């Protein structure tokens, strides 16, 4: 029978969580790219915006949690980024913007930082 140390199990959990976060951000990026290319206010845009809003709202909730182990300053910075993304999504939804690429670029930077 295998025995793992607590530290090994926790490291695996963190690695699994980061991988899930990367996958979620990859999907958001893909949906936003399709929306950008398909049509600014298409059905694909609605799907991309809805999904992206859910992702970043979930991240905010996690970052606000006292159990979150990231440094306070990093958490605050990520929440600020999330709020910006949510505001950009709302501008697109209201047809005041078509800044899909800006959201894609910022999300890509965050995703690439999850290593």
Protein backbone atom coordinates (compact mmCIF):
# COMPACT_ATOMS: atom_id res chain seq x y z
CA UNK A 1 0.00 0.00 0.00
CA UNK A 2 1.23 3.49 -0.81
CA UNK A 3 1.60 6.08 1.88
CA UNK A 4 1.77 9.73 1.01
CA UNK A 5 2.77 12.57 3.23
CA UNK A 6 0.28 15.32 3.93
CA UNK A 7 2.54 17.77 2.06
CA UNK A 8 2.51 15.55 -1.05
CA UNK A 9 -1.28 15.26 -0.98
CA UNK A 10 -1.69 19.01 -0.51
CA UNK A 11 0.77 19.72 -3.33
CA UNK A 12 -1.24 17.43 -5.63
CA UNK A 13 -4.46 19.19 -4.63
CA UNK A 14 -2.95 22.60 -5.44
CA UNK A 15 -1.62 21.31 -8.77
CA UNK A 16 -5.04 19.84 -9.62
CA UNK A 17 -6.78 23.10 -8.68
CA UNK A 18 -4.40 25.12 -10.85
CA UNK A 19 -4.97 22.77 -13.76
CA UNK A 20 -8.75 23.11 -13.40
CA UNK A 21 -8.38 26.91 -13.28
CA UNK A 22 -6.25 26.81 -16.44
CA UNK A 23 -8.89 24.70 -18.19
CA UNK A 24 -11.68 27.08 -17.17
CA UNK A 25 -9.70 30.09 -18.40
CA UNK A 26 -8.83 28.27 -21.65
CA UNK A 27 -12.54 27.71 -22.27
CA UNK A 28 -13.33 31.35 -21.54
CA UNK A 29 -10.60 32.48 -23.94
CA UNK A 30 -11.87 30.12 -26.66
CA UNK A 31 -15.46 31.26 -26.29
CA UNK A 32 -14.44 34.93 -26.34
CA UNK A 33 -12.33 34.39 -29.48
CA UNK A 34 -15.25 32.70 -31.23
CA UNK A 35 -17.54 35.57 -30.20
CA UNK A 36 -15.02 38.15 -31.41
CA UNK A 37 -14.72 36.43 -34.80
CA UNK A 38 -18.34 35.36 -35.28
CA UNK A 39 -20.14 38.57 -34.60
CA UNK A 40 -19.94 41.15 -31.89
CA UNK A 41 -23.45 40.58 -30.51
CA UNK A 42 -24.15 37.03 -31.66
CA UNK A 43 -25.45 34.01 -29.77
CA UNK A 44 -21.80 33.01 -29.34
CA UNK A 45 -21.14 36.39 -27.70
CA UNK A 46 -23.94 35.80 -25.20
CA UNK A 47 -22.53 32.37 -24.35
CA UNK A 48 -18.97 33.72 -24.03
CA UNK A 49 -20.01 36.62 -21.82
CA UNK A 50 -22.20 34.44 -19.60
CA UNK A 51 -19.43 31.87 -19.13
CA UNK A 52 -16.73 34.49 -18.55
CA UNK A 53 -18.86 36.30 -15.97
CA UNK A 54 -19.46 33.04 -14.09
CA UNK A 55 -15.75 32.22 -14.10
CA UNK A 56 -14.62 35.58 -12.76
CA UNK A 57 -17.45 35.85 -10.25
CA UNK A 58 -16.38 32.46 -8.93
CA UNK A 59 -12.77 33.60 -8.73
CA UNK A 60 -13.79 36.68 -6.75
CA UNK A 61 -15.69 34.52 -4.27
CA UNK A 62 -12.68 32.25 -3.87
CA UNK A 63 -10.26 35.16 -3.52
CA UNK A 64 -12.43 36.77 -0.83
CA UNK A 65 -12.43 33.58 1.23
CA UNK A 66 -10.34 33.65 4.41
CA UNK A 67 -9.16 30.12 3.54
CA UNK A 68 -7.52 31.35 0.35
CA UNK A 69 -3.77 30.99 0.86
CA UNK A 70 -2.58 33.58 -1.64
CA UNK A 71 -0.93 36.70 -0.28
CA UNK A 72 -3.38 39.50 0.52
CA UNK A 73 -1.87 41.91 -2.01
CA UNK A 74 -2.02 39.33 -4.81
CA UNK A 75 -5.62 38.49 -3.94
CA UNK A 76 -6.53 42.19 -4.02
CA UNK A 77 -4.84 42.63 -7.41
CA UNK A 78 -6.64 39.60 -8.85
CA UNK A 79 -9.97 40.85 -7.54
CA UNK A 80 -9.30 44.21 -9.23
CA UNK A 81 -8.57 42.42 -12.51
CA UNK A 82 -11.73 40.35 -12.12
CA UNK A 83 -13.82 43.47 -11.54
CA UNK A 84 -12.34 45.07 -14.67
CA UNK A 85 -13.20 41.96 -16.71
CA UNK A 86 -16.75 41.92 -15.34
CA UNK A 87 -17.15 45.61 -16.23
CA UNK A 88 -15.86 44.99 -19.76
CA UNK A 89 -18.29 42.07 -20.15
CA UNK A 90 -21.12 44.35 -19.07
CA UNK A 91 -20.06 47.04 -21.56
CA UNK A 92 -20.08 44.46 -24.34
CA UNK A 93 -23.47 43.17 -23.21
CA UNK A 94 -24.85 46.71 -23.32
CA UNK A 95 -23.32 47.18 -26.78
CA UNK A 96 -21.07 49.96 -25.52
CA UNK A 97 -17.88 48.07 -26.38
CA UNK A 98 -16.45 45.23 -28.44
CA UNK A 99 -13.32 44.77 -26.33
CA UNK A 100 -13.21 40.98 -26.56
CA UNK A 101 -9.50 41.09 -27.32
CA UNK A 102 -8.71 43.06 -24.16
CA UNK A 103 -10.48 40.47 -22.03
CA UNK A 104 -8.76 37.67 -23.94
CA UNK A 105 -5.34 39.25 -23.44
CA UNK A 106 -5.76 39.79 -19.70
CA UNK A 107 -7.25 36.33 -19.18
CA UNK A 108 -4.35 34.80 -21.13
CA UNK A 109 -1.84 36.55 -18.89
CA UNK A 110 -3.61 35.26 -15.77
CA UNK A 111 -3.87 31.74 -17.21
CA UNK A 112 -0.18 31.70 -18.12
CA UNK A 113 0.70 32.75 -14.57
CA UNK A 114 -0.90 29.59 -13.17
CA UNK A 115 2.21 27.46 -13.45
